[in-house]
Amino acid sequence: MNRIDSVLSAEEQKNRLVTVWQMEAGADTECADLMNRMEKKRNNQGKNGPEILEVAAAENGVEAGELLALVKKLRHEYHLEMPLALRLSFHQVFRYGLEAFTDACMEAGVDGIRIPDLPMEEQPQLKVYLLKEGAPYLLQEICPQSGDRIPDVTGYAKGYVYCAADPALWDEQMEFGNMLSFFLYAAEAVCPIPLILDFKNMDREGIKPYLETAAGMTVHI
């Protein structure tokens, strides 16, 4: 079973919020640095439930292979057991090779991949390799602007679905809170797996009213 499923479906975790720790990593990032940053944030906010670590490629030319090496080290040298996801661009994955990247993810212990710039219509070229037993999930992302595409994006999703929103991008005249609530209600109604909130520029208190429709939230470190 994928570690993401084991965390989200665990009976004792059903009433506890999931925290997805999001960290950027560069070519010179050390595992100890990631672990220290996570522990510091955890101490500040408290560990309330299951945790997932998402490592993102920093915008400094870091390659997919460097992220994979970092994850492999976290798994084998630091014995990190929580689910691990990668966030990177499709260009990085394509340069590595789609099948080779899939195999490397399986070897390193990657549970999920988020590729924000890979449209739903172009995902099959990668999904064909993700059908392998033990392959990571391709994590999907939706936003209020997704509209009628939400059922198509989430219908065959695995693991969990990111619900992304940035209040700063909305016109000041719009009732952002009401629109966001409607978006989450619609998403929950059609999504067969848990939703994770990824709201930029909103703290834990600001997100709290929306957590009734979600399994958890992201915290950037």
N, C-alpha and C. Protein backbone atom coordinates (compact mmCIF):
# COMPACT_ATOMS: atom_id res chain seq x y z
N MET A 1 0.84 -1.21 0.00
CA MET A 1 0.00 0.00 0.00
C MET A 1 0.87 1.25 0.00
N ASN A 2 0.49 2.23 -0.79
CA ASN A 2 1.18 3.51 -0.79
C ASN A 2 1.09 4.14 0.60
N ARG A 3 2.18 4.75 1.05
CA ARG A 3 2.20 5.34 2.39
C ARG A 3 1.14 6.42 2.54
N ILE A 4 0.82 7.12 1.46
CA ILE A 4 -0.22 8.15 1.53
C ILE A 4 -1.54 7.53 1.93
N ASP A 5 -1.89 6.41 1.31
CA ASP A 5 -3.15 5.73 1.65
C ASP A 5 -3.13 5.24 3.09
N SER A 6 -2.00 4.71 3.52
CA SER A 6 -1.93 4.15 4.87
C SER A 6 -2.11 5.24 5.92
N VAL A 7 -1.66 6.45 5.62
CA VAL A 7 -1.81 7.57 6.56
C VAL A 7 -3.23 8.11 6.54
N LEU A 8 -3.78 8.31 5.35
CA LEU A 8 -5.09 8.94 5.24
C LEU A 8 -6.24 8.00 5.59
N SER A 9 -5.99 6.69 5.50
CA SER A 9 -7.07 5.76 5.78
C SER A 9 -6.98 5.13 7.17
N ALA A 10 -5.93 5.44 7.90
CA ALA A 10 -5.76 4.86 9.23
C ALA A 10 -6.93 5.25 10.14
N GLU A 11 -7.51 4.27 10.78
CA GLU A 11 -8.70 4.50 11.59
C GLU A 11 -8.47 5.55 12.67
N GLU A 12 -7.30 5.51 13.29
CA GLU A 12 -7.05 6.43 14.40
C GLU A 12 -6.77 7.85 13.92
N GLN A 13 -6.59 8.04 12.59
CA GLN A 13 -6.26 9.36 12.09
C GLN A 13 -7.47 10.08 11.48
N LYS A 14 -8.61 9.44 11.42
CA LYS A 14 -9.73 9.99 10.67
C LYS A 14 -10.19 11.34 11.17
N ASN A 15 -10.08 11.59 12.44
CA ASN A 15 -10.54 12.86 12.99
C ASN A 15 -9.40 13.82 13.30
N ARG A 16 -8.25 13.57 12.69
CA ARG A 16 -7.09 14.43 12.92
C ARG A 16 -6.61 14.98 11.59
N LEU A 17 -6.27 16.25 11.56
CA LEU A 17 -5.90 16.91 10.33
C LEU A 17 -4.51 16.50 9.86
N VAL A 18 -4.39 16.33 8.56
CA VAL A 18 -3.11 16.03 7.93
C VAL A 18 -2.35 17.33 7.71
N THR A 19 -1.06 17.32 7.99
CA THR A 19 -0.20 18.46 7.68
C THR A 19 0.77 18.05 6.59
N VAL A 20 0.73 18.78 5.47
CA VAL A 20 1.71 18.56 4.40
C VAL A 20 2.77 19.64 4.52
N TRP A 21 3.94 19.24 5.01
CA TRP A 21 5.05 20.18 5.14
C TRP A 21 5.67 20.39 3.76
N GLN A 22 5.74 21.63 3.31
CA GLN A 22 6.30 21.94 2.00
C GLN A 22 7.65 22.63 2.18
N MET A 23 8.68 22.04 1.57
CA MET A 23 10.03 22.61 1.67
C MET A 23 10.65 22.69 0.30
N GLU A 24 11.35 23.78 0.04
CA GLU A 24 12.14 23.90 -1.18
C GLU A 24 13.54 23.36 -0.93
N ALA A 25 14.09 22.73 -1.94
CA ALA A 25 15.44 22.17 -1.81
C ALA A 25 16.25 22.55 -3.04
N GLY A 26 17.50 22.86 -2.82
CA GLY A 26 18.42 23.18 -3.90
C GLY A 26 19.48 22.12 -4.03
N ALA A 27 20.43 22.37 -4.92
CA ALA A 27 21.49 21.40 -5.18
C ALA A 27 22.36 21.17 -3.94
N ASP A 28 22.45 22.18 -3.06
CA ASP A 28 23.33 22.07 -1.89
C ASP A 28 22.56 21.81 -0.60
N THR A 29 21.28 21.50 -0.70
CA THR A 29 20.47 21.25 0.50
C THR A 29 20.86 19.94 1.16
N GLU A 30 21.03 19.98 2.46
CA GLU A 30 21.36 18.79 3.22
C GLU A 30 20.11 18.23 3.90
N CYS A 31 20.07 16.93 4.07
CA CYS A 31 18.94 16.30 4.75
C CYS A 31 18.77 16.85 6.16
N ALA A 32 19.87 17.07 6.84
CA ALA A 32 19.81 17.58 8.22
C ALA A 32 19.12 18.93 8.26
N ASP A 33 19.36 19.75 7.23
CA ASP A 33 18.72 21.07 7.17
C ASP A 33 17.21 20.92 7.03
N LEU A 34 16.76 20.02 6.15
CA LEU A 34 15.33 19.79 5.98
C LEU A 34 14.69 19.31 7.28
N MET A 35 15.34 18.36 7.93
CA MET A 35 14.78 17.79 9.15
C MET A 35 14.72 18.83 10.27
N ASN A 36 15.75 19.67 10.36
CA ASN A 36 15.77 20.71 11.39
C ASN A 36 14.68 21.74 11.16
N ARG A 37 14.49 22.12 9.89
CA ARG A 37 13.45 23.09 9.56
C ARG A 37 12.06 22.54 9.90
N MET A 38 11.85 21.28 9.60
CA MET A 38 10.56 20.67 9.88
C MET A 38 10.33 20.56 11.39
N GLU A 39 11.34 20.19 12.12
CA GLU A 39 11.20 20.05 13.56
C GLU A 39 10.93 21.39 14.23
N LYS A 40 11.58 22.44 13.73
CA LYS A 40 11.37 23.78 14.29
C LYS A 40 9.93 24.23 14.05
N LYS A 41 9.44 24.02 12.83
CA LYS A 41 8.06 24.42 12.51
C LYS A 41 7.06 23.57 13.29
N ARG A 42 7.35 22.33 13.45
CA ARG A 42 6.48 21.42 14.20
C ARG A 42 6.38 21.86 15.66
N ASN A 43 7.50 22.27 16.22
CA ASN A 43 7.50 22.73 17.61
C ASN A 43 6.70 24.01 17.78
N ASN A 44 6.74 24.87 16.75
CA ASN A 44 6.00 26.14 16.80
C ASN A 44 4.50 25.93 16.65
N GLN A 45 4.12 24.99 15.78
CA GLN A 45 2.71 24.82 15.47
C GLN A 45 2.09 23.62 16.13
N GLY A 46 2.91 22.70 16.56
CA GLY A 46 2.40 21.50 17.18
C GLY A 46 2.07 20.42 16.17
N LYS A 47 2.30 19.19 16.55
CA LYS A 47 1.98 18.06 15.69
C LYS A 47 0.59 17.56 16.07
N ASN A 48 -0.38 17.81 15.19
CA ASN A 48 -1.77 17.50 15.51
C ASN A 48 -2.27 16.21 14.89
N GLY A 49 -1.55 15.69 13.94
CA GLY A 49 -2.04 14.50 13.24
C GLY A 49 -0.99 13.97 12.28
N PRO A 50 -1.41 13.18 11.31
CA PRO A 50 -0.46 12.59 10.35
C PRO A 50 0.25 13.66 9.54
N GLU A 51 1.45 13.32 9.08
CA GLU A 51 2.28 14.28 8.36
C GLU A 51 2.74 13.71 7.02
N ILE A 52 2.88 14.60 6.05
CA ILE A 52 3.43 14.27 4.74
C ILE A 52 4.46 15.33 4.41
N LEU A 53 5.57 14.93 3.85
CA LEU A 53 6.61 15.88 3.46
C LEU A 53 6.64 16.02 1.95
N GLU A 54 6.51 17.26 1.47
CA GLU A 54 6.63 17.54 0.04
C GLU A 54 7.89 18.36 -0.18
N VAL A 55 8.81 17.82 -0.97
CA VAL A 55 10.05 18.50 -1.28
C VAL A 55 9.94 19.09 -2.68
N ALA A 56 10.14 20.39 -2.78
CA ALA A 56 9.99 21.08 -4.06
C ALA A 56 11.35 21.49 -4.59
N ALA A 57 11.45 21.51 -5.91
CA ALA A 57 12.68 21.96 -6.56
C ALA A 57 12.74 23.48 -6.49
N ALA A 58 13.75 24.00 -5.81
CA ALA A 58 13.93 25.45 -5.75
C ALA A 58 14.29 25.98 -7.14
N GLU A 59 14.01 27.25 -7.35
CA GLU A 59 14.24 27.84 -8.67
C GLU A 59 15.71 28.23 -8.84
N ASN A 60 16.58 27.26 -8.76
CA ASN A 60 18.00 27.54 -8.94
C ASN A 60 18.67 26.48 -9.81
N GLY A 61 17.85 25.87 -10.67
CA GLY A 61 18.44 24.91 -11.60
C GLY A 61 18.60 23.51 -11.05
N VAL A 62 18.02 23.20 -9.89
CA VAL A 62 18.14 21.86 -9.33
C VAL A 62 17.47 20.85 -10.26
N GLU A 63 18.12 19.74 -10.47
CA GLU A 63 17.62 18.71 -11.37
C GLU A 63 16.84 17.64 -10.61
N ALA A 64 16.04 16.88 -11.36
CA ALA A 64 15.23 15.83 -10.76
C ALA A 64 16.10 14.82 -10.02
N GLY A 65 17.24 14.49 -10.60
CA GLY A 65 18.13 13.52 -9.98
C GLY A 65 18.62 13.95 -8.61
N GLU A 66 18.82 15.25 -8.43
CA GLU A 66 19.27 15.76 -7.14
C GLU A 66 18.18 15.64 -6.09
N LEU A 67 16.93 15.90 -6.50
CA LEU A 67 15.82 15.72 -5.57
C LEU A 67 15.65 14.26 -5.19
N LEU A 68 15.78 13.39 -6.16
CA LEU A 68 15.64 11.95 -5.90
C LEU A 68 16.73 11.46 -4.96
N ALA A 69 17.93 11.95 -5.13
CA ALA A 69 19.03 11.57 -4.25
C ALA A 69 18.76 12.02 -2.82
N LEU A 70 18.16 13.21 -2.69
CA LEU A 70 17.83 13.74 -1.37
C LEU A 70 16.78 12.87 -0.70
N VAL A 71 15.75 12.50 -1.44
CA VAL A 71 14.70 11.65 -0.89
C VAL A 71 15.25 10.28 -0.50
N LYS A 72 16.08 9.74 -1.35
CA LYS A 72 16.67 8.42 -1.06
C LYS A 72 17.48 8.46 0.23
N LYS A 73 18.18 9.56 0.43
CA LYS A 73 18.98 9.71 1.65
C LYS A 73 18.07 9.84 2.87
N LEU A 74 16.96 10.59 2.72
CA LEU A 74 16.01 10.72 3.83
C LEU A 74 15.44 9.36 4.22
N ARG A 75 15.18 8.54 3.23
CA ARG A 75 14.61 7.23 3.49
C ARG A 75 15.63 6.27 4.13
N HIS A 76 16.80 6.19 3.53
CA HIS A 76 17.74 5.14 3.90
C HIS A 76 18.72 5.53 5.01
N GLU A 77 19.07 6.81 5.09
CA GLU A 77 20.03 7.22 6.12
C GLU A 77 19.35 7.85 7.33
N TYR A 78 18.21 8.53 7.08
CA TYR A 78 17.49 9.17 8.18
C TYR A 78 16.26 8.37 8.59
N HIS A 79 15.99 7.30 7.86
CA HIS A 79 14.89 6.37 8.18
C HIS A 79 13.56 7.11 8.33
N LEU A 80 13.31 8.06 7.44
CA LEU A 80 12.06 8.80 7.47
C LEU A 80 10.94 7.92 6.94
N GLU A 81 9.90 7.72 7.74
CA GLU A 81 8.82 6.80 7.39
C GLU A 81 7.58 7.49 6.85
N MET A 82 7.45 8.79 7.05
CA MET A 82 6.24 9.48 6.60
C MET A 82 6.17 9.52 5.07
N PRO A 83 4.98 9.68 4.50
CA PRO A 83 4.88 9.80 3.04
C PRO A 83 5.70 10.97 2.52
N LEU A 84 6.32 10.76 1.37
CA LEU A 84 7.16 11.78 0.75
C LEU A 84 6.66 12.06 -0.66
N ALA A 85 6.55 13.33 -0.99
CA ALA A 85 6.13 13.74 -2.33
C ALA A 85 7.16 14.70 -2.91
N LEU A 86 7.22 14.75 -4.22
CA LEU A 86 8.09 15.69 -4.92
C LEU A 86 7.23 16.68 -5.69
N ARG A 87 7.65 17.94 -5.72
CA ARG A 87 7.02 18.93 -6.59
C ARG A 87 8.08 19.51 -7.52
N LEU A 88 7.87 19.35 -8.79
CA LEU A 88 8.84 19.81 -9.78
C LEU A 88 8.14 20.05 -11.10
N SER A 89 8.87 20.58 -12.06
CA SER A 89 8.28 20.89 -13.36
C SER A 89 8.35 19.67 -14.28
N PHE A 90 7.48 19.66 -15.27
CA PHE A 90 7.49 18.54 -16.21
C PHE A 90 8.77 18.54 -17.03
N HIS A 91 9.35 19.70 -17.26
CA HIS A 91 10.61 19.78 -18.00
C HIS A 91 11.69 18.96 -17.29
N GLN A 92 11.73 19.05 -15.97
CA GLN A 92 12.73 18.30 -15.21
C GLN A 92 12.49 16.80 -15.33
N VAL A 93 11.22 16.41 -15.27
CA VAL A 93 10.88 15.00 -15.40
C VAL A 93 11.19 14.49 -16.80
N PHE A 94 10.83 15.26 -17.81
CA PHE A 94 11.02 14.86 -19.20
C PHE A 94 12.51 14.70 -19.52
N ARG A 95 13.32 15.60 -19.00
CA ARG A 95 14.77 15.52 -19.24
C ARG A 95 15.36 14.26 -18.60
N TYR A 96 14.81 13.86 -17.48
CA TYR A 96 15.29 12.66 -16.80
C TYR A 96 14.88 11.40 -17.56
N GLY A 97 13.71 11.48 -18.21
CA GLY A 97 13.14 10.32 -18.89
C GLY A 97 11.95 9.82 -18.10
N LEU A 98 10.79 9.69 -18.73
CA LEU A 98 9.57 9.39 -17.99
C LEU A 98 9.63 8.04 -17.27
N GLU A 99 10.04 7.01 -17.98
CA GLU A 99 10.11 5.69 -17.33
C GLU A 99 11.25 5.64 -16.32
N ALA A 100 12.38 6.23 -16.69
CA ALA A 100 13.53 6.23 -15.77
C ALA A 100 13.19 7.00 -14.49
N PHE A 101 12.44 8.10 -14.64
CA PHE A 101 12.04 8.88 -13.47
C PHE A 101 11.11 8.07 -12.58
N THR A 102 10.16 7.38 -13.19
CA THR A 102 9.24 6.54 -12.42
C THR A 102 9.99 5.48 -11.64
N ASP A 103 10.92 4.80 -12.31
CA ASP A 103 11.69 3.74 -11.65
C ASP A 103 12.55 4.31 -10.52
N ALA A 104 13.13 5.50 -10.76
CA ALA A 104 13.97 6.12 -9.73
C ALA A 104 13.15 6.54 -8.52
N CYS A 105 11.92 7.00 -8.76
CA CYS A 105 11.02 7.36 -7.66
C CYS A 105 10.71 6.14 -6.80
N MET A 106 10.46 5.01 -7.46
CA MET A 106 10.15 3.79 -6.73
C MET A 106 11.34 3.34 -5.90
N GLU A 107 12.53 3.46 -6.46
CA GLU A 107 13.73 3.05 -5.74
C GLU A 107 14.01 3.96 -4.56
N ALA A 108 13.75 5.27 -4.74
CA ALA A 108 14.06 6.25 -3.69
C ALA A 108 13.02 6.26 -2.58
N GLY A 109 11.80 5.78 -2.86
CA GLY A 109 10.76 5.80 -1.85
C GLY A 109 9.84 6.99 -1.94
N VAL A 110 9.61 7.48 -3.17
CA VAL A 110 8.70 8.60 -3.40
C VAL A 110 7.27 8.07 -3.47
N ASP A 111 6.36 8.72 -2.75
CA ASP A 111 4.97 8.27 -2.71
C ASP A 111 4.06 9.07 -3.63
N GLY A 112 4.42 10.31 -3.90
CA GLY A 112 3.59 11.16 -4.74
C GLY A 112 4.43 12.14 -5.53
N ILE A 113 3.89 12.55 -6.68
CA ILE A 113 4.55 13.54 -7.54
C ILE A 113 3.54 14.63 -7.85
N ARG A 114 3.93 15.88 -7.68
CA ARG A 114 3.08 16.99 -8.09
C ARG A 114 3.80 17.76 -9.19
N ILE A 115 3.15 17.90 -10.35
CA ILE A 115 3.74 18.59 -11.50
C ILE A 115 2.74 19.65 -11.94
N PRO A 116 2.81 20.85 -11.34
CA PRO A 116 1.79 21.87 -11.59
C PRO A 116 1.65 22.29 -13.05
N ASP A 117 2.73 22.19 -13.83
CA ASP A 117 2.66 22.66 -15.21
C ASP A 117 2.33 21.55 -16.21
N LEU A 118 1.86 20.41 -15.73
CA LEU A 118 1.48 19.31 -16.61
C LEU A 118 -0.05 19.26 -16.69
N PRO A 119 -0.64 19.73 -17.80
CA PRO A 119 -2.10 19.74 -17.94
C PRO A 119 -2.67 18.33 -17.92
N MET A 120 -3.93 18.23 -17.53
CA MET A 120 -4.60 16.94 -17.46
C MET A 120 -4.53 16.20 -18.79
N GLU A 121 -4.68 16.93 -19.90
CA GLU A 121 -4.70 16.31 -21.22
C GLU A 121 -3.36 15.70 -21.61
N GLU A 122 -2.27 16.15 -20.99
CA GLU A 122 -0.94 15.66 -21.34
C GLU A 122 -0.40 14.66 -20.32
N GLN A 123 -1.19 14.33 -19.31
CA GLN A 123 -0.71 13.43 -18.27
C GLN A 123 -0.58 11.97 -18.69
N PRO A 124 -1.37 11.48 -19.67
CA PRO A 124 -1.27 10.06 -20.02
C PRO A 124 0.12 9.58 -20.40
N GLN A 125 0.95 10.46 -20.99
CA GLN A 125 2.28 10.04 -21.38
C GLN A 125 3.14 9.64 -20.17
N LEU A 126 2.84 10.21 -19.01
CA LEU A 126 3.54 9.82 -17.79
C LEU A 126 2.77 8.74 -17.03
N LYS A 127 1.44 8.83 -17.06
CA LYS A 127 0.61 7.89 -16.30
C LYS A 127 0.82 6.44 -16.75
N VAL A 128 1.16 6.25 -18.00
CA VAL A 128 1.33 4.88 -18.48
C VAL A 128 2.45 4.17 -17.71
N TYR A 129 3.45 4.91 -17.26
CA TYR A 129 4.54 4.32 -16.47
C TYR A 129 4.16 4.24 -14.99
N LEU A 130 3.27 5.13 -14.56
CA LEU A 130 2.86 5.12 -13.16
C LEU A 130 1.89 4.00 -12.85
N LEU A 131 1.54 3.20 -13.85
CA LEU A 131 0.71 2.02 -13.63
C LEU A 131 1.50 0.87 -13.01
N LYS A 132 2.82 1.01 -12.99
CA LYS A 132 3.65 -0.04 -12.41
C LYS A 132 3.33 -0.22 -10.93
N GLU A 133 3.40 -1.45 -10.47
CA GLU A 133 3.15 -1.72 -9.05
C GLU A 133 4.20 -1.02 -8.19
N GLY A 134 3.73 -0.27 -7.22
CA GLY A 134 4.63 0.45 -6.33
C GLY A 134 5.02 1.82 -6.83
N ALA A 135 4.51 2.23 -7.99
CA ALA A 135 4.83 3.56 -8.52
C ALA A 135 4.15 4.65 -7.70
N PRO A 136 4.72 5.84 -7.65
CA PRO A 136 4.09 6.93 -6.89
C PRO A 136 2.81 7.41 -7.55
N TYR A 137 2.00 8.10 -6.78
CA TYR A 137 0.78 8.70 -7.30
C TYR A 137 1.10 10.03 -7.97
N LEU A 138 0.39 10.32 -9.05
CA LEU A 138 0.46 11.65 -9.65
C LEU A 138 -0.61 12.50 -8.96
N LEU A 139 -0.17 13.40 -8.09
CA LEU A 139 -1.08 14.18 -7.28
C LEU A 139 -1.69 15.32 -8.10
N GLN A 140 -3.00 15.44 -8.02
CA GLN A 140 -3.70 16.44 -8.83
C GLN A 140 -3.93 17.72 -8.03
N GLU A 141 -4.14 18.81 -8.78
CA GLU A 141 -4.34 20.12 -8.16
C GLU A 141 -5.50 20.83 -8.85
N ILE A 142 -6.38 21.41 -8.05
CA ILE A 142 -7.48 22.20 -8.58
C ILE A 142 -7.49 23.55 -7.89
N CYS A 143 -8.23 24.50 -8.48
CA CYS A 143 -8.35 25.83 -7.91
C CYS A 143 -9.75 26.34 -8.24
N PRO A 144 -10.17 27.45 -7.64
CA PRO A 144 -11.52 27.96 -7.92
C PRO A 144 -11.79 28.17 -9.40
N GLN A 145 -10.75 28.47 -10.16
CA GLN A 145 -10.92 28.70 -11.59
C GLN A 145 -11.07 27.40 -12.38
N SER A 146 -10.89 26.25 -11.73
CA SER A 146 -10.99 24.96 -12.43
C SER A 146 -12.41 24.71 -12.94
N GLY A 147 -13.41 25.20 -12.22
CA GLY A 147 -14.79 25.14 -12.68
C GLY A 147 -15.25 23.75 -13.08
N ASP A 148 -15.74 23.64 -14.33
CA ASP A 148 -16.31 22.39 -14.82
C ASP A 148 -15.27 21.29 -14.99
N ARG A 149 -14.00 21.63 -14.91
CA ARG A 149 -12.95 20.62 -15.08
C ARG A 149 -12.72 19.80 -13.81
N ILE A 150 -13.25 20.26 -12.68
CA ILE A 150 -12.97 19.59 -11.41
C ILE A 150 -13.32 18.10 -11.44
N PRO A 151 -14.51 17.70 -11.92
CA PRO A 151 -14.81 16.25 -11.94
C PRO A 151 -13.83 15.45 -12.79
N ASP A 152 -13.39 16.02 -13.91
CA ASP A 152 -12.44 15.30 -14.78
C ASP A 152 -11.07 15.18 -14.13
N VAL A 153 -10.64 16.24 -13.45
CA VAL A 153 -9.32 16.23 -12.81
C VAL A 153 -9.29 15.28 -11.62
N THR A 154 -10.36 15.27 -10.84
CA THR A 154 -10.35 14.51 -9.59
C THR A 154 -10.91 13.09 -9.74
N GLY A 155 -11.60 12.82 -10.84
CA GLY A 155 -12.29 11.54 -10.98
C GLY A 155 -11.39 10.33 -10.86
N TYR A 156 -10.18 10.42 -11.40
CA TYR A 156 -9.25 9.29 -11.37
C TYR A 156 -8.00 9.60 -10.53
N ALA A 157 -8.12 10.61 -9.67
CA ALA A 157 -6.98 11.00 -8.84
C ALA A 157 -6.71 9.95 -7.76
N LYS A 158 -5.49 9.94 -7.29
CA LYS A 158 -5.09 9.01 -6.23
C LYS A 158 -4.41 9.78 -5.11
N GLY A 159 -4.47 9.22 -3.91
CA GLY A 159 -3.80 9.83 -2.76
C GLY A 159 -4.63 10.94 -2.16
N TYR A 160 -4.43 12.15 -2.63
CA TYR A 160 -5.20 13.31 -2.21
C TYR A 160 -5.12 14.36 -3.31
N VAL A 161 -6.01 15.34 -3.25
CA VAL A 161 -6.06 16.41 -4.25
C VAL A 161 -5.77 17.74 -3.56
N TYR A 162 -4.84 18.50 -4.13
CA TYR A 162 -4.56 19.84 -3.61
C TYR A 162 -5.65 20.81 -4.07
N CYS A 163 -6.18 21.58 -3.13
CA CYS A 163 -7.09 22.67 -3.45
C CYS A 163 -6.31 23.97 -3.25
N ALA A 164 -5.88 24.56 -4.34
CA ALA A 164 -5.02 25.74 -4.27
C ALA A 164 -5.82 27.01 -4.48
N ALA A 165 -5.50 28.04 -3.72
CA ALA A 165 -6.16 29.33 -3.87
C ALA A 165 -5.26 30.41 -3.30
N ASP A 166 -5.31 31.58 -3.92
CA ASP A 166 -4.52 32.72 -3.47
C ASP A 166 -5.44 33.94 -3.41
N PRO A 167 -5.84 34.34 -2.21
CA PRO A 167 -6.75 35.48 -2.09
C PRO A 167 -6.23 36.74 -2.76
N ALA A 168 -4.92 36.89 -2.86
CA ALA A 168 -4.35 38.10 -3.45
C ALA A 168 -4.66 38.24 -4.93
N LEU A 169 -5.02 37.14 -5.58
CA LEU A 169 -5.31 37.17 -7.00
C LEU A 169 -6.75 37.54 -7.32
N TRP A 170 -7.57 37.67 -6.29
CA TRP A 170 -8.99 37.94 -6.50
C TRP A 170 -9.28 39.43 -6.40
N ASP A 171 -10.24 39.88 -7.19
CA ASP A 171 -10.66 41.28 -7.18
C ASP A 171 -11.20 41.62 -5.79
N GLU A 172 -10.86 42.79 -5.30
CA GLU A 172 -11.27 43.18 -3.95
C GLU A 172 -12.79 43.24 -3.81
N GLN A 173 -13.50 43.41 -4.91
CA GLN A 173 -14.96 43.49 -4.84
C GLN A 173 -15.61 42.12 -4.69
N MET A 174 -14.88 41.07 -4.97
CA MET A 174 -15.46 39.74 -4.89
C MET A 174 -15.49 39.24 -3.45
N GLU A 175 -16.49 38.48 -3.12
CA GLU A 175 -16.58 37.91 -1.78
C GLU A 175 -15.77 36.62 -1.78
N PHE A 176 -14.50 36.75 -1.50
CA PHE A 176 -13.58 35.61 -1.62
C PHE A 176 -14.01 34.45 -0.74
N GLY A 177 -14.41 34.74 0.48
CA GLY A 177 -14.79 33.67 1.40
C GLY A 177 -15.94 32.84 0.88
N ASN A 178 -16.97 33.50 0.37
CA ASN A 178 -18.12 32.78 -0.15
C ASN A 178 -17.76 31.96 -1.39
N MET A 179 -16.96 32.54 -2.28
CA MET A 179 -16.55 31.83 -3.48
C MET A 179 -15.70 30.62 -3.12
N LEU A 180 -14.84 30.77 -2.14
CA LEU A 180 -13.98 29.68 -1.72
C LEU A 180 -14.79 28.55 -1.10
N SER A 181 -15.76 28.90 -0.29
CA SER A 181 -16.62 27.88 0.32
C SER A 181 -17.38 27.10 -0.74
N PHE A 182 -17.89 27.80 -1.74
CA PHE A 182 -18.62 27.13 -2.81
C PHE A 182 -17.70 26.20 -3.60
N PHE A 183 -16.48 26.67 -3.87
CA PHE A 183 -15.49 25.86 -4.59
C PHE A 183 -15.20 24.57 -3.82
N LEU A 184 -14.98 24.67 -2.53
CA LEU A 184 -14.66 23.50 -1.72
C LEU A 184 -15.84 22.55 -1.62
N TYR A 185 -17.03 23.10 -1.49
CA TYR A 185 -18.23 22.27 -1.44
C TYR A 185 -18.38 21.47 -2.73
N ALA A 186 -18.18 22.15 -3.87
CA ALA A 186 -18.30 21.49 -5.17
C ALA A 186 -17.22 20.43 -5.34
N ALA A 187 -16.00 20.75 -4.90
CA ALA A 187 -14.90 19.81 -5.03
C ALA A 187 -15.11 18.56 -4.18
N GLU A 188 -15.55 18.76 -2.94
CA GLU A 188 -15.79 17.63 -2.04
C GLU A 188 -16.88 16.72 -2.58
N ALA A 189 -17.87 17.32 -3.24
CA ALA A 189 -19.02 16.55 -3.74
C ALA A 189 -18.63 15.57 -4.84
N VAL A 190 -17.59 15.91 -5.61
CA VAL A 190 -17.23 15.06 -6.75
C VAL A 190 -15.91 14.32 -6.56
N CYS A 191 -15.12 14.72 -5.56
CA CYS A 191 -13.79 14.13 -5.38
C CYS A 191 -13.88 12.87 -4.51
N PRO A 192 -13.42 11.72 -5.00
CA PRO A 192 -13.53 10.47 -4.24
C PRO A 192 -12.43 10.29 -3.19
N ILE A 193 -11.47 11.20 -3.15
CA ILE A 193 -10.36 11.07 -2.20
C ILE A 193 -10.22 12.37 -1.41
N PRO A 194 -9.43 12.38 -0.32
CA PRO A 194 -9.33 13.56 0.54
C PRO A 194 -8.78 14.80 -0.18
N LEU A 195 -9.20 15.96 0.32
CA LEU A 195 -8.73 17.25 -0.17
C LEU A 195 -7.74 17.83 0.83
N ILE A 196 -6.67 18.43 0.30
CA ILE A 196 -5.69 19.12 1.12
C ILE A 196 -5.67 20.59 0.69
N LEU A 197 -5.84 21.51 1.65
CA LEU A 197 -5.90 22.93 1.32
C LEU A 197 -4.50 23.51 1.17
N ASP A 198 -4.30 24.23 0.08
CA ASP A 198 -3.02 24.88 -0.20
C ASP A 198 -3.31 26.35 -0.50
N PHE A 199 -3.61 27.11 0.55
CA PHE A 199 -4.00 28.51 0.39
C PHE A 199 -2.81 29.41 0.70
N LYS A 200 -2.37 30.13 -0.30
CA LYS A 200 -1.22 31.02 -0.12
C LYS A 200 -1.62 32.25 0.69
N ASN A 201 -0.68 32.70 1.50
CA ASN A 201 -0.85 33.93 2.28
C ASN A 201 -1.98 33.85 3.30
N MET A 202 -2.37 32.64 3.69
CA MET A 202 -3.37 32.49 4.74
C MET A 202 -2.78 31.63 5.85
N ASP A 203 -2.85 32.12 7.08
CA ASP A 203 -2.31 31.37 8.20
C ASP A 203 -3.31 30.32 8.66
N ARG A 204 -2.90 29.57 9.68
CA ARG A 204 -3.74 28.47 10.17
C ARG A 204 -5.11 28.96 10.64
N GLU A 205 -5.14 30.13 11.27
CA GLU A 205 -6.41 30.67 11.75
C GLU A 205 -7.31 31.06 10.59
N GLY A 206 -6.71 31.60 9.53
CA GLY A 206 -7.49 32.00 8.38
C GLY A 206 -8.08 30.82 7.64
N ILE A 207 -7.36 29.72 7.64
CA ILE A 207 -7.80 28.52 6.91
C ILE A 207 -8.82 27.72 7.72
N LYS A 208 -8.80 27.87 9.02
CA LYS A 208 -9.62 27.02 9.90
C LYS A 208 -11.07 26.90 9.47
N PRO A 209 -11.75 27.99 9.05
CA PRO A 209 -13.17 27.85 8.69
C PRO A 209 -13.42 26.91 7.51
N TYR A 210 -12.37 26.65 6.71
CA TYR A 210 -12.56 25.84 5.51
C TYR A 210 -12.14 24.38 5.70
N LEU A 211 -11.61 24.07 6.85
CA LEU A 211 -11.08 22.72 7.07
C LEU A 211 -12.16 21.66 7.26
N GLU A 212 -13.40 22.08 7.44
CA GLU A 212 -14.47 21.09 7.60
C GLU A 212 -14.66 20.26 6.34
N THR A 213 -14.27 20.82 5.20
CA THR A 213 -14.43 20.10 3.94
C THR A 213 -13.14 19.47 3.46
N ALA A 214 -12.11 19.47 4.28
CA ALA A 214 -10.81 18.97 3.85
C ALA A 214 -10.19 18.07 4.90
N ALA A 215 -9.22 17.27 4.46
CA ALA A 215 -8.52 16.36 5.37
C ALA A 215 -7.34 17.04 6.05
N GLY A 216 -6.88 18.16 5.49
CA GLY A 216 -5.73 18.82 6.09
C GLY A 216 -5.29 20.02 5.28
N MET A 217 -4.10 20.52 5.59
CA MET A 217 -3.60 21.74 4.97
C MET A 217 -2.10 21.66 4.77
N THR A 218 -1.60 22.54 3.92
CA THR A 218 -0.17 22.63 3.68
C THR A 218 0.44 23.73 4.54
N VAL A 219 1.67 23.50 4.95
CA VAL A 219 2.42 24.50 5.71
C VAL A 219 3.79 24.65 5.05
N HIS A 220 4.08 25.85 4.57
CA HIS A 220 5.37 26.08 3.91
C HIS A 220 6.45 26.34 4.94
N ILE A 221 7.57 25.70 4.77
CA ILE A 221 8.70 25.86 5.69
C ILE A 221 9.84 26.55 4.94
